[in-house]
Amino acid sequence: MATQNILNPGVPLDLDWVVDARVNRSAIERRTATLGTRRSVKKEWQAAWLLRAITCIDLTTLAGDDTPGRVKRLCAKAKHPLRPDMLAALNLDGENITVGAVCVYPSRVRDAVEALQGSDIPVASVATGFPAGQTPMAQRIAEIEQAIEAGAREIDIVITRTHVLTGNWSALYDEIKRFRETCGDAAHMKSILATGDLGTLKQVYQASMVAMMAGSDFIKTSTGKERVNATLDFGLVMTRAIREYRERTGYTVGFKPAGGISKAKQALTWQMLMKEELGVEWMMPDLFRFGASSLLTDIERQLYHQITGHYAARHHMPMG
């Protein structure tokens, strides 16, 4: 990827726009219930969509037992997500297919940057008290600064959920704006809304809008640590907020579903959502990412099935 440019400079907080938001839950549920059944992607088209999905993966490890070795193995997989023989069978021999980014904790950023040296794959770092966002503001700001200093080019921040649950939109805006200013031009900022912790779909829409007004380059569903993570209902609400924000401001914001997306079939459904709600532009890694760790393995197995007619064992698709 090229040097990052800020996608969304943000706009002043418009409380009327936020407070007047309306979300029809039954209409959202009807729409998402049929998303994966009304149409399907088959054969070579499915392979093409799955290859595109690989390029949109933020390959992630956010475990308490992460080590430099684990991060290096993850980065090796990020640089070569498909085996050379599979690329050749798909007529892609020599193509440089990589994941969208590698996502780690701030303490592992330097390991990832070193392991990815010579590639264009950016390192993304979670920050600001991930996953709960309950640490003091100075500490949260320092995490962003430390991650960027170590070489992170994307920062996934977490919001204070209390601001959303109590309707304190000014506080939420000010918080995210401080994070945006700390990221500066050095890194894209993805704002994790932790949608499973929010009370209603309306609050998901309102939080999305405030996060974009404050300068988020991406809005992201979840940390992956909540009881409920990325769902199509949350995704539909957030993508429609992105569409409305662009219509009103002219600024473009990306979208990242994360948490619980582990199957190729799920990836295809999310891609269909992006295509139908926002257009082909949002199927590309500049504006769409999956936060995932095991999704890549299932996509590999599906592509192997396309090539050979049978599924490979998981140990034939090692992470690195």
C-alpha atoms as a PDB file:
ATOM      1  CA  MET A   1       0.000   0.000   0.000  1.00  0.00           C
ATOM      2  CA  ALA A   2       1.095   3.551  -0.679  1.00  0.00           C
ATOM      3  CA  THR A   3       1.676   6.208   1.952  1.00  0.00           C
ATOM      4  CA  GLN A   4      -1.535   6.714   3.882  1.00  0.00           C
ATOM      5  CA  ASN A   5      -3.656   9.795   3.205  1.00  0.00           C
ATOM      6  CA  ILE A   6      -6.418  10.857   5.553  1.00  0.00           C
ATOM      7  CA  LEU A   7      -9.746   9.821   4.070  1.00  0.00           C
ATOM      8  CA  ASN A   8     -11.974  11.902   6.308  1.00  0.00           C
ATOM      9  CA  PRO A   9     -10.960  15.215   7.913  1.00  0.00           C
ATOM     10  CA  GLY A  10     -14.207  15.320   9.896  1.00  0.00           C
ATOM     11  CA  VAL A  11     -16.785  18.055  10.349  1.00  0.00           C
ATOM     12  CA  PRO A  12     -18.152  20.040  13.315  1.00  0.00           C
ATOM     13  CA  LEU A  13     -20.491  18.076  15.557  1.00  0.00           C
ATOM     14  CA  ASP A  14     -24.099  18.434  14.363  1.00  0.00           C
ATOM     15  CA  LEU A  15     -26.235  17.389  17.328  1.00  0.00           C
ATOM     16  CA  ASP A  16     -29.511  17.871  15.436  1.00  0.00           C
ATOM     17  CA  TRP A  17     -28.349  15.332  12.867  1.00  0.00           C
ATOM     18  CA  VAL A  18     -27.419  12.859  15.612  1.00  0.00           C
ATOM     19  CA  VAL A  19     -30.461  13.311  17.853  1.00  0.00           C
ATOM     20  CA  ASP A  20     -32.944  13.161  14.969  1.00  0.00           C
ATOM     21  CA  ALA A  21     -31.633   9.782  13.753  1.00  0.00           C
ATOM     22  CA  ARG A  22     -34.214   7.059  13.127  1.00  0.00           C
ATOM     23  CA  VAL A  23     -33.618   3.334  12.604  1.00  0.00           C
ATOM     24  CA  ASN A  24     -36.377   0.873  11.653  1.00  0.00           C
ATOM     25  CA  ARG A  25     -35.306  -2.371  13.321  1.00  0.00           C
ATOM     26  CA  SER A  26     -37.868  -4.603  11.581  1.00  0.00           C
ATOM     27  CA  ALA A  27     -36.876  -3.246   8.149  1.00  0.00           C
ATOM     28  CA  ILE A  28     -33.186  -3.799   8.947  1.00  0.00           C
ATOM     29  CA  GLU A  29     -33.859  -7.379  10.049  1.00  0.00           C
ATOM     30  CA  ARG A  30     -35.928  -8.131   6.930  1.00  0.00           C
ATOM     31  CA  ARG A  31     -33.156  -6.797   4.717  1.00  0.00           C
ATOM     32  CA  THR A  32     -30.333  -8.751   6.359  1.00  0.00           C
ATOM     33  CA  ALA A  33     -32.364 -11.984   6.605  1.00  0.00           C
ATOM     34  CA  THR A  34     -32.428 -12.274   2.807  1.00  0.00           C
ATOM     35  CA  LEU A  35     -28.970 -10.892   2.050  1.00  0.00           C
ATOM     36  CA  GLY A  36     -27.258 -14.253   1.702  1.00  0.00           C
ATOM     37  CA  THR A  37     -30.173 -16.060   0.055  1.00  0.00           C
ATOM     38  CA  ARG A  38     -31.411 -13.762  -2.719  1.00  0.00           C
ATOM     39  CA  ARG A  39     -28.327 -14.269  -4.864  1.00  0.00           C
ATOM     40  CA  SER A  40     -25.140 -16.290  -4.769  1.00  0.00           C
ATOM     41  CA  VAL A  41     -21.682 -16.101  -6.304  1.00  0.00           C
ATOM     42  CA  LYS A  42     -20.587 -19.302  -8.047  1.00  0.00           C
ATOM     43  CA  LYS A  43     -17.505 -20.961  -9.541  1.00  0.00           C
ATOM     44  CA  GLU A  44     -14.886 -18.619 -11.008  1.00  0.00           C
ATOM     45  CA  TRP A  45     -16.768 -15.565  -9.768  1.00  0.00           C
ATOM     46  CA  GLN A  46     -16.729 -16.963  -6.254  1.00  0.00           C
ATOM     47  CA  ALA A  47     -12.987 -17.560  -6.522  1.00  0.00           C
ATOM     48  CA  ALA A  48     -12.491 -13.952  -7.640  1.00  0.00           C
ATOM     49  CA  TRP A  49     -14.548 -12.606  -4.747  1.00  0.00           C
ATOM     50  CA  LEU A  50     -12.660 -14.777  -2.253  1.00  0.00           C
ATOM     51  CA  LEU A  51      -9.319 -13.619  -3.634  1.00  0.00           C
ATOM     52  CA  ARG A  52     -10.503 -10.052  -3.195  1.00  0.00           C
ATOM     53  CA  ALA A  53     -11.579 -10.895   0.356  1.00  0.00           C
ATOM     54  CA  ILE A  54      -8.030 -12.039   1.162  1.00  0.00           C
ATOM     55  CA  THR A  55      -6.694  -8.611   0.184  1.00  0.00           C
ATOM     56  CA  CYS A  56      -9.200  -7.020   2.593  1.00  0.00           C
ATOM     57  CA  ILE A  57      -8.219  -9.063   5.671  1.00  0.00           C
ATOM     58  CA  ASP A  58      -6.552  -7.387   8.636  1.00  0.00           C
ATOM     59  CA  LEU A  59      -4.787 -10.577   9.734  1.00  0.00           C
ATOM     60  CA  THR A  60      -4.986 -10.312  13.498  1.00  0.00           C
ATOM     61  CA  THR A  61      -3.495 -11.684  16.670  1.00  0.00           C
ATOM     62  CA  LEU A  62      -4.630 -10.068  19.907  1.00  0.00           C
ATOM     63  CA  ALA A  63      -3.928 -12.755  22.483  1.00  0.00           C
ATOM     64  CA  GLY A  64      -2.367 -12.572  25.909  1.00  0.00           C
ATOM     65  CA  ASP A  65       0.260 -15.108  24.881  1.00  0.00           C
ATOM     66  CA  ASP A  66       1.401 -13.337  21.699  1.00  0.00           C
ATOM     67  CA  THR A  67       5.146 -13.688  21.181  1.00  0.00           C
ATOM     68  CA  PRO A  68       7.599 -12.258  18.614  1.00  0.00           C
ATOM     69  CA  GLY A  69       7.651 -15.705  16.983  1.00  0.00           C
ATOM     70  CA  ARG A  70       3.880 -15.860  16.610  1.00  0.00           C
ATOM     71  CA  VAL A  71       3.806 -12.373  15.098  1.00  0.00           C
ATOM     72  CA  LYS A  72       6.573 -13.286  12.632  1.00  0.00           C
ATOM     73  CA  ARG A  73       4.681 -16.401  11.542  1.00  0.00           C
ATOM     74  CA  LEU A  74       1.532 -14.304  11.071  1.00  0.00           C
ATOM     75  CA  CYS A  75       3.480 -11.797   8.973  1.00  0.00           C
ATOM     76  CA  ALA A  76       4.942 -14.570   6.828  1.00  0.00           C
ATOM     77  CA  LYS A  77       1.390 -15.718   6.113  1.00  0.00           C
ATOM     78  CA  ALA A  78       0.310 -12.119   5.441  1.00  0.00           C
ATOM     79  CA  LYS A  79       2.955 -11.797   2.727  1.00  0.00           C
ATOM     80  CA  HIS A  80       2.118 -15.165   1.142  1.00  0.00           C
ATOM     81  CA  PRO A  81      -1.497 -16.015   2.039  1.00  0.00           C
ATOM     82  CA  LEU A  82      -1.832 -18.616  -0.722  1.00  0.00           C
ATOM     83  CA  ARG A  83       0.564 -21.415  -1.648  1.00  0.00           C
ATOM     84  CA  PRO A  84       2.435 -20.930  -4.954  1.00  0.00           C
ATOM     85  CA  ASP A  85       0.856 -24.066  -6.450  1.00  0.00           C
ATOM     86  CA  MET A  86      -2.624 -22.712  -5.715  1.00  0.00           C
ATOM     87  CA  LEU A  87      -1.786 -19.357  -7.302  1.00  0.00           C
ATOM     88  CA  ALA A  88      -0.524 -21.174 -10.370  1.00  0.00           C
ATOM     89  CA  ALA A  89      -3.690 -23.281 -10.574  1.00  0.00           C
ATOM     90  CA  LEU A  90      -5.742 -20.071 -10.435  1.00  0.00           C
ATOM     91  CA  ASN A  91      -3.649 -18.556 -13.242  1.00  0.00           C
ATOM     92  CA  LEU A  92      -2.172 -16.056 -10.812  1.00  0.00           C
ATOM     93  CA  ASP A  93       1.412 -17.272 -10.848  1.00  0.00           C
ATOM     94  CA  GLY A  94       3.666 -14.312 -10.046  1.00  0.00           C
ATOM     95  CA  GLU A  95       0.836 -12.087  -8.778  1.00  0.00           C
ATOM     96  CA  ASN A  96       1.551 -10.256  -5.525  1.00  0.00           C
ATOM     97  CA  ILE A  97      -1.515 -11.128  -3.455  1.00  0.00           C
ATOM     98  CA  THR A  98      -1.249 -10.125   0.198  1.00  0.00           C
ATOM     99  CA  VAL A  99      -3.620  -9.368   3.054  1.00  0.00           C
ATOM    100  CA  GLY A 100      -4.690  -5.771   3.753  1.00  0.00           C
ATOM    101  CA  ALA A 101      -2.773  -5.346   7.033  1.00  0.00           C
ATOM    102  CA  VAL A 102      -1.469  -7.157  10.087  1.00  0.00           C
ATOM    103  CA  CYS A 103      -3.139  -6.089  13.348  1.00  0.00           C
ATOM    104  CA  VAL A 104      -1.412  -6.497  16.727  1.00  0.00           C
ATOM    105  CA  TYR A 105      -1.094  -4.958  20.181  1.00  0.00           C
ATOM    106  CA  PRO A 106       1.167  -1.862  20.502  1.00  0.00           C
ATOM    107  CA  SER A 107       3.887  -3.913  22.193  1.00  0.00           C
ATOM    108  CA  ARG A 108       4.137  -6.173  19.128  1.00  0.00           C
ATOM    109  CA  VAL A 109       4.125  -3.440  16.450  1.00  0.00           C
ATOM    110  CA  ARG A 110       7.902  -3.323  16.103  1.00  0.00           C
ATOM    111  CA  ASP A 111       8.045  -7.115  15.653  1.00  0.00           C
ATOM    112  CA  ALA A 112       5.459  -6.906  12.873  1.00  0.00           C
ATOM    113  CA  VAL A 113       7.133  -3.947  11.145  1.00  0.00           C
ATOM    114  CA  GLU A 114      10.441  -5.800  11.072  1.00  0.00           C
ATOM    115  CA  ALA A 115       8.830  -8.993   9.779  1.00  0.00           C
ATOM    116  CA  LEU A 116       6.989  -7.105   7.009  1.00  0.00           C
ATOM    117  CA  GLN A 117      10.017  -5.128   5.868  1.00  0.00           C
ATOM    118  CA  GLY A 118      10.226  -5.035   2.089  1.00  0.00           C
ATOM    119  CA  SER A 119       6.469  -5.467   1.638  1.00  0.00           C
ATOM    120  CA  ASP A 120       3.777  -2.804   1.308  1.00  0.00           C
ATOM    121  CA  ILE A 121       1.638  -4.383   4.030  1.00  0.00           C
ATOM    122  CA  PRO A 122       0.862  -1.854   6.780  1.00  0.00           C
ATOM    123  CA  VAL A 123       0.848  -2.693  10.464  1.00  0.00           C
ATOM    124  CA  ALA A 124      -2.333  -1.824  12.334  1.00  0.00           C
ATOM    125  CA  SER A 125      -2.281  -1.481  16.102  1.00  0.00           C
ATOM    126  CA  VAL A 126      -5.145  -1.482  18.548  1.00  0.00           C
ATOM    127  CA  ALA A 127      -4.846   1.309  21.101  1.00  0.00           C
ATOM    128  CA  THR A 128      -6.631   3.558  23.610  1.00  0.00           C
ATOM    129  CA  GLY A 129      -7.199   0.915  26.270  1.00  0.00           C
ATOM    130  CA  PHE A 130      -8.294  -1.920  23.981  1.00  0.00           C
ATOM    131  CA  PRO A 131     -10.669  -3.676  24.397  1.00  0.00           C
ATOM    132  CA  ALA A 132     -12.675  -1.866  27.124  1.00  0.00           C
ATOM    133  CA  GLY A 133     -11.432   1.713  26.711  1.00  0.00           C
ATOM    134  CA  GLN A 134     -11.459   2.219  30.476  1.00  0.00           C
ATOM    135  CA  THR A 135      -7.914   3.514  30.994  1.00  0.00           C
ATOM    136  CA  PRO A 136      -7.096   7.205  31.685  1.00  0.00           C
ATOM    137  CA  MET A 137      -7.030   9.513  28.653  1.00  0.00           C
ATOM    138  CA  ALA A 138      -3.311  10.298  28.943  1.00  0.00           C
ATOM    139  CA  GLN A 139      -2.525   6.595  28.818  1.00  0.00           C
ATOM    140  CA  ARG A 140      -4.809   6.078  25.836  1.00  0.00           C
ATOM    141  CA  ILE A 141      -3.147   8.918  23.927  1.00  0.00           C
ATOM    142  CA  ALA A 142       0.299   7.560  24.825  1.00  0.00           C
ATOM    143  CA  GLU A 143      -0.614   4.164  23.334  1.00  0.00           C
ATOM    144  CA  ILE A 144      -1.368   5.797  19.977  1.00  0.00           C
ATOM    145  CA  GLU A 145       1.898   7.732  20.085  1.00  0.00           C
ATOM    146  CA  GLN A 146       3.910   4.640  20.992  1.00  0.00           C
ATOM    147  CA  ALA A 147       2.307   2.525  18.258  1.00  0.00           C
ATOM    148  CA  ILE A 148       2.983   5.159  15.594  1.00  0.00           C
ATOM    149  CA  GLU A 149       6.550   5.652  16.819  1.00  0.00           C
ATOM    150  CA  ALA A 150       7.075   1.883  16.482  1.00  0.00           C
ATOM    151  CA  GLY A 151       5.875   2.005  12.870  1.00  0.00           C
ATOM    152  CA  ALA A 152       2.094   1.450  12.900  1.00  0.00           C
ATOM    153  CA  ARG A 153       0.371   3.031   9.898  1.00  0.00           C
ATOM    154  CA  GLU A 154      -3.174   2.249  11.048  1.00  0.00           C
ATOM    155  CA  ILE A 155      -4.610   2.724  14.539  1.00  0.00           C
ATOM    156  CA  ASP A 156      -7.755   0.932  15.738  1.00  0.00           C
ATOM    157  CA  ILE A 157      -9.086   2.982  18.648  1.00  0.00           C
ATOM    158  CA  VAL A 158     -11.851   2.008  21.075  1.00  0.00           C
ATOM    159  CA  ILE A 159     -14.489   4.457  22.249  1.00  0.00           C
ATOM    160  CA  THR A 160     -15.877   5.017  25.724  1.00  0.00           C
ATOM    161  CA  ARG A 161     -19.178   3.142  25.492  1.00  0.00           C
ATOM    162  CA  THR A 162     -20.605   5.117  28.414  1.00  0.00           C
ATOM    163  CA  HIS A 163     -20.751   8.221  26.216  1.00  0.00           C
ATOM    164  CA  VAL A 164     -23.041   6.383  23.795  1.00  0.00           C
ATOM    165  CA  LEU A 165     -25.196   4.699  26.428  1.00  0.00           C
ATOM    166  CA  THR A 166     -25.801   8.026  28.195  1.00  0.00           C
ATOM    167  CA  GLY A 167     -26.204  10.053  24.995  1.00  0.00           C
ATOM    168  CA  ASN A 168     -23.217  12.276  25.758  1.00  0.00           C
ATOM    169  CA  TRP A 169     -22.419  12.913  22.108  1.00  0.00           C
ATOM    170  CA  SER A 170     -20.245  15.960  22.742  1.00  0.00           C
ATOM    171  CA  ALA A 171     -17.958  13.915  25.000  1.00  0.00           C
ATOM    172  CA  LEU A 172     -17.752  11.116  22.418  1.00  0.00           C
ATOM    173  CA  TYR A 173     -16.949  13.608  19.651  1.00  0.00           C
ATOM    174  CA  ASP A 174     -14.262  15.337  21.713  1.00  0.00           C
ATOM    175  CA  GLU A 175     -12.669  12.015  22.668  1.00  0.00           C
ATOM    176  CA  ILE A 176     -12.453  10.691  19.122  1.00  0.00           C
ATOM    177  CA  LYS A 177     -11.286  14.064  17.823  1.00  0.00           C
ATOM    178  CA  ARG A 178      -8.353  13.943  20.273  1.00  0.00           C
ATOM    179  CA  PHE A 179      -7.454  10.493  18.998  1.00  0.00           C
ATOM    180  CA  ARG A 180      -7.692  11.769  15.411  1.00  0.00           C
ATOM    181  CA  GLU A 181      -5.358  14.670  16.207  1.00  0.00           C
ATOM    182  CA  THR A 182      -2.884  12.282  17.833  1.00  0.00           C
ATOM    183  CA  CYS A 183      -2.875  10.033  14.752  1.00  0.00           C
ATOM    184  CA  GLY A 184      -2.328  13.095  12.556  1.00  0.00           C
ATOM    185  CA  ASP A 185      -1.225  12.337   9.022  1.00  0.00           C
ATOM    186  CA  ALA A 186       0.879   9.381  10.193  1.00  0.00           C
ATOM    187  CA  ALA A 187      -1.864   6.782  10.412  1.00  0.00           C
ATOM    188  CA  HIS A 188      -5.372   5.950   9.315  1.00  0.00           C
ATOM    189  CA  MET A 189      -7.722   5.808  12.301  1.00  0.00           C
ATOM    190  CA  LYS A 190     -10.357   3.102  12.634  1.00  0.00           C
ATOM    191  CA  SER A 191     -12.917   3.705  15.397  1.00  0.00           C
ATOM    192  CA  ILE A 192     -14.197   0.526  17.077  1.00  0.00           C
ATOM    193  CA  LEU A 193     -17.756   1.099  18.282  1.00  0.00           C
ATOM    194  CA  ALA A 194     -18.099  -2.214  20.175  1.00  0.00           C
ATOM    195  CA  THR A 195     -21.613  -2.501  18.770  1.00  0.00           C
ATOM    196  CA  GLY A 196     -22.466  -5.508  20.932  1.00  0.00           C
ATOM    197  CA  ASP A 197     -22.083  -3.296  24.016  1.00  0.00           C
ATOM    198  CA  LEU A 198     -24.399  -0.581  22.708  1.00  0.00           C
ATOM    199  CA  GLY A 199     -28.056  -0.607  23.616  1.00  0.00           C
ATOM    200  CA  THR A 200     -29.913  -0.194  20.319  1.00  0.00           C
ATOM    201  CA  LEU A 201     -29.436  -0.060  16.570  1.00  0.00           C
ATOM    202  CA  LYS A 202     -30.241   3.646  16.771  1.00  0.00           C
ATOM    203  CA  GLN A 203     -27.303   4.123  19.127  1.00  0.00           C
ATOM    204  CA  VAL A 204     -25.080   2.196  16.695  1.00  0.00           C
ATOM    205  CA  TYR A 205     -26.139   4.632  13.956  1.00  0.00           C
ATOM    206  CA  GLN A 206     -25.612   7.661  16.193  1.00  0.00           C
ATOM    207  CA  ALA A 207     -22.191   6.472  17.375  1.00  0.00           C
ATOM    208  CA  SER A 208     -21.211   5.817  13.751  1.00  0.00           C
ATOM    209  CA  MET A 209     -22.178   9.323  12.749  1.00  0.00           C
ATOM    210  CA  VAL A 210     -20.379  11.006  15.654  1.00  0.00           C
ATOM    211  CA  ALA A 211     -17.247   8.930  15.000  1.00  0.00           C
ATOM    212  CA  MET A 212     -17.234  10.052  11.368  1.00  0.00           C
ATOM    213  CA  MET A 213     -17.868  13.695  12.254  1.00  0.00           C
ATOM    214  CA  ALA A 214     -14.852  13.499  14.581  1.00  0.00           C
ATOM    215  CA  GLY A 215     -12.581  12.349  11.747  1.00  0.00           C
ATOM    216  CA  SER A 216     -12.597   8.530  11.708  1.00  0.00           C
ATOM    217  CA  ASP A 217     -11.210   7.100   8.455  1.00  0.00           C
ATOM    218  CA  PHE A 218     -12.968   3.776   9.137  1.00  0.00           C
ATOM    219  CA  ILE A 219     -15.727   2.717  11.486  1.00  0.00           C
ATOM    220  CA  LYS A 220     -15.404  -0.801  12.871  1.00  0.00           C
ATOM    221  CA  THR A 221     -18.028  -2.993  14.502  1.00  0.00           C
ATOM    222  CA  SER A 222     -16.258  -4.745  17.328  1.00  0.00           C
ATOM    223  CA  THR A 223     -13.126  -5.553  19.269  1.00  0.00           C
ATOM    224  CA  GLY A 224     -13.843  -9.266  18.902  1.00  0.00           C
ATOM    225  CA  LYS A 225     -14.020  -9.485  22.686  1.00  0.00           C
ATOM    226  CA  GLU A 226     -17.693  -8.574  23.170  1.00  0.00           C
ATOM    227  CA  ARG A 227     -20.452 -11.120  23.728  1.00  0.00           C
ATOM    228  CA  VAL A 228     -21.960 -10.106  20.352  1.00  0.00           C
ATOM    229  CA  ASN A 229     -19.552  -8.978  17.641  1.00  0.00           C
ATOM    230  CA  ALA A 230     -20.048  -8.285  13.928  1.00  0.00           C
ATOM    231  CA  THR A 231     -23.619  -8.935  12.804  1.00  0.00           C
ATOM    232  CA  LEU A 232     -25.241  -8.032   9.497  1.00  0.00           C
ATOM    233  CA  ASP A 233     -27.792  -5.873  11.341  1.00  0.00           C
ATOM    234  CA  PHE A 234     -24.991  -3.755  12.809  1.00  0.00           C
ATOM    235  CA  GLY A 235     -23.243  -3.732   9.444  1.00  0.00           C
ATOM    236  CA  LEU A 236     -26.297  -2.535   7.544  1.00  0.00           C
ATOM    237  CA  VAL A 237     -26.888   0.306  10.000  1.00  0.00           C
ATOM    238  CA  MET A 238     -23.242   1.376   9.831  1.00  0.00           C
ATOM    239  CA  THR A 239     -22.983   1.209   6.034  1.00  0.00           C
ATOM    240  CA  ARG A 240     -26.092   3.325   5.676  1.00  0.00           C
ATOM    241  CA  ALA A 241     -24.570   5.841   8.082  1.00  0.00           C
ATOM    242  CA  ILE A 242     -21.453   5.889   5.864  1.00  0.00           C
ATOM    243  CA  ARG A 243     -23.602   6.504   2.803  1.00  0.00           C
ATOM    244  CA  GLU A 244     -25.528   9.331   4.434  1.00  0.00           C
ATOM    245  CA  TYR A 245     -22.339  10.918   5.761  1.00  0.00           C
ATOM    246  CA  ARG A 246     -20.838  10.945   2.272  1.00  0.00           C
ATOM    247  CA  GLU A 247     -24.021  12.375   0.753  1.00  0.00           C
ATOM    248  CA  ARG A 248     -24.040  15.215   3.302  1.00  0.00           C
ATOM    249  CA  THR A 249     -20.323  15.992   3.559  1.00  0.00           C
ATOM    250  CA  GLY A 250     -18.644  14.577   0.459  1.00  0.00           C
ATOM    251  CA  TYR A 251     -16.164  12.654   2.663  1.00  0.00           C
ATOM    252  CA  THR A 252     -15.536   8.944   2.270  1.00  0.00           C
ATOM    253  CA  VAL A 253     -15.260   6.576   5.259  1.00  0.00           C
ATOM    254  CA  GLY A 254     -14.289   2.911   5.241  1.00  0.00           C
ATOM    255  CA  PHE A 255     -15.912   0.009   7.064  1.00  0.00           C
ATOM    256  CA  LYS A 256     -14.459  -2.913   9.025  1.00  0.00           C
ATOM    257  CA  PRO A 257     -16.542  -5.770  10.435  1.00  0.00           C
ATOM    258  CA  ALA A 258     -14.603  -7.710  13.067  1.00  0.00           C
ATOM    259  CA  GLY A 259     -15.232 -10.579  15.447  1.00  0.00           C
ATOM    260  CA  GLY A 260     -16.824 -13.924  14.626  1.00  0.00           C
ATOM    261  CA  ILE A 261     -16.154 -13.825  10.869  1.00  0.00           C
ATOM    262  CA  SER A 262     -14.396 -17.127  10.277  1.00  0.00           C
ATOM    263  CA  LYS A 263     -16.068 -18.684   7.204  1.00  0.00           C
ATOM    264  CA  ALA A 264     -15.662 -17.895   3.519  1.00  0.00           C
ATOM    265  CA  LYS A 265     -19.443 -17.907   3.105  1.00  0.00           C
ATOM    266  CA  GLN A 266     -19.708 -15.126   5.702  1.00  0.00           C
ATOM    267  CA  ALA A 267     -17.088 -13.115   3.827  1.00  0.00           C
ATOM    268  CA  LEU A 268     -19.100 -13.400   0.612  1.00  0.00           C
ATOM    269  CA  THR A 269     -22.238 -12.161   2.381  1.00  0.00           C
ATOM    270  CA  TRP A 270     -20.394  -9.165   3.829  1.00  0.00           C
ATOM    271  CA  GLN A 271     -18.969  -8.376   0.395  1.00  0.00           C
ATOM    272  CA  MET A 272     -22.484  -8.544  -1.045  1.00  0.00           C
ATOM    273  CA  LEU A 273     -23.662  -6.099   1.623  1.00  0.00           C
ATOM    274  CA  MET A 274     -20.903  -3.652   0.672  1.00  0.00           C
ATOM    275  CA  LYS A 275     -21.618  -3.938  -3.044  1.00  0.00           C
ATOM    276  CA  GLU A 276     -25.352  -3.451  -2.685  1.00  0.00           C
ATOM    277  CA  GLU A 277     -25.304  -0.692  -0.059  1.00  0.00           C
ATOM    278  CA  LEU A 278     -22.181   1.295  -0.983  1.00  0.00           C
ATOM    279  CA  GLY A 279     -20.912   0.064  -4.340  1.00  0.00           C
ATOM    280  CA  VAL A 280     -17.877  -1.749  -5.751  1.00  0.00           C
ATOM    281  CA  GLU A 281     -15.538   0.943  -4.385  1.00  0.00           C
ATOM    282  CA  TRP A 282     -16.223  -0.420  -0.889  1.00  0.00           C
ATOM    283  CA  MET A 283     -15.166  -3.947  -1.838  1.00  0.00           C
ATOM    284  CA  MET A 284     -11.530  -2.844  -2.063  1.00  0.00           C
ATOM    285  CA  PRO A 285      -8.995  -2.779   0.810  1.00  0.00           C
ATOM    286  CA  ASP A 286      -8.746   1.023   0.802  1.00  0.00           C
ATOM    287  CA  LEU A 287     -12.323   1.162   2.140  1.00  0.00           C
ATOM    288  CA  PHE A 288     -13.141  -2.319   3.430  1.00  0.00           C
ATOM    289  CA  ARG A 289     -11.384  -4.657   5.850  1.00  0.00           C
ATOM    290  CA  PHE A 290     -12.231  -7.827   7.721  1.00  0.00           C
ATOM    291  CA  GLY A 291     -10.852  -8.088  11.237  1.00  0.00           C
ATOM    292  CA  ALA A 292     -10.101 -11.798  11.368  1.00  0.00           C
ATOM    293  CA  SER A 293      -7.618 -14.510  12.291  1.00  0.00           C
ATOM    294  CA  SER A 294      -9.136 -17.805  11.105  1.00  0.00           C
ATOM    295  CA  LEU A 295     -11.059 -16.490   8.064  1.00  0.00           C
ATOM    296  CA  LEU A 296      -8.029 -16.848   5.804  1.00  0.00           C
ATOM    297  CA  THR A 297      -7.741 -20.579   6.478  1.00  0.00           C
ATOM    298  CA  ASP A 298     -11.346 -21.227   5.446  1.00  0.00           C
ATOM    299  CA  ILE A 299     -10.978 -19.110   2.298  1.00  0.00           C
ATOM    300  CA  GLU A 300      -7.891 -21.146   1.398  1.00  0.00           C
ATOM    301  CA  ARG A 301      -9.828 -24.370   1.850  1.00  0.00           C
ATOM    302  CA  GLN A 302     -12.669 -23.097  -0.371  1.00  0.00           C
ATOM    303  CA  LEU A 303     -10.219 -22.060  -3.091  1.00  0.00           C
ATOM    304  CA  TYR A 304      -8.490 -25.439  -2.836  1.00  0.00           C
ATOM    305  CA  HIS A 305     -11.892 -27.065  -3.357  1.00  0.00           C
ATOM    306  CA  GLN A 306     -12.444 -24.900  -6.442  1.00  0.00           C
ATOM    307  CA  ILE A 307      -9.122 -26.146  -7.839  1.00  0.00           C
ATOM    308  CA  THR A 308      -9.210 -29.835  -6.898  1.00  0.00           C
ATOM    309  CA  GLY A 309     -12.825 -30.711  -6.165  1.00  0.00           C
ATOM    310  CA  HIS A 310     -12.107 -31.719  -2.575  1.00  0.00           C
ATOM    311  CA  TYR A 311     -11.221 -29.983   0.678  1.00  0.00           C
ATOM    312  CA  ALA A 312      -7.727 -29.916   2.117  1.00  0.00           C
ATOM    313  CA  ALA A 313      -7.120 -30.727   5.752  1.00  0.00           C
ATOM    314  CA  ARG A 314      -6.546 -27.653   7.890  1.00  0.00           C
ATOM    315  CA  HIS A 315      -2.945 -28.655   8.571  1.00  0.00           C
ATOM    316  CA  HIS A 316      -2.276 -28.280   4.844  1.00  0.00           C
ATOM    317  CA  MET A 317      -3.052 -24.564   5.230  1.00  0.00           C
ATOM    318  CA  PRO A 318      -0.617 -23.532   7.971  1.00  0.00           C
ATOM    319  CA  MET A 319      -0.677 -19.992   9.337  1.00  0.00           C
ATOM    320  CA  GLY A 320       3.029 -19.572   8.824  1.00  0.00           C
END
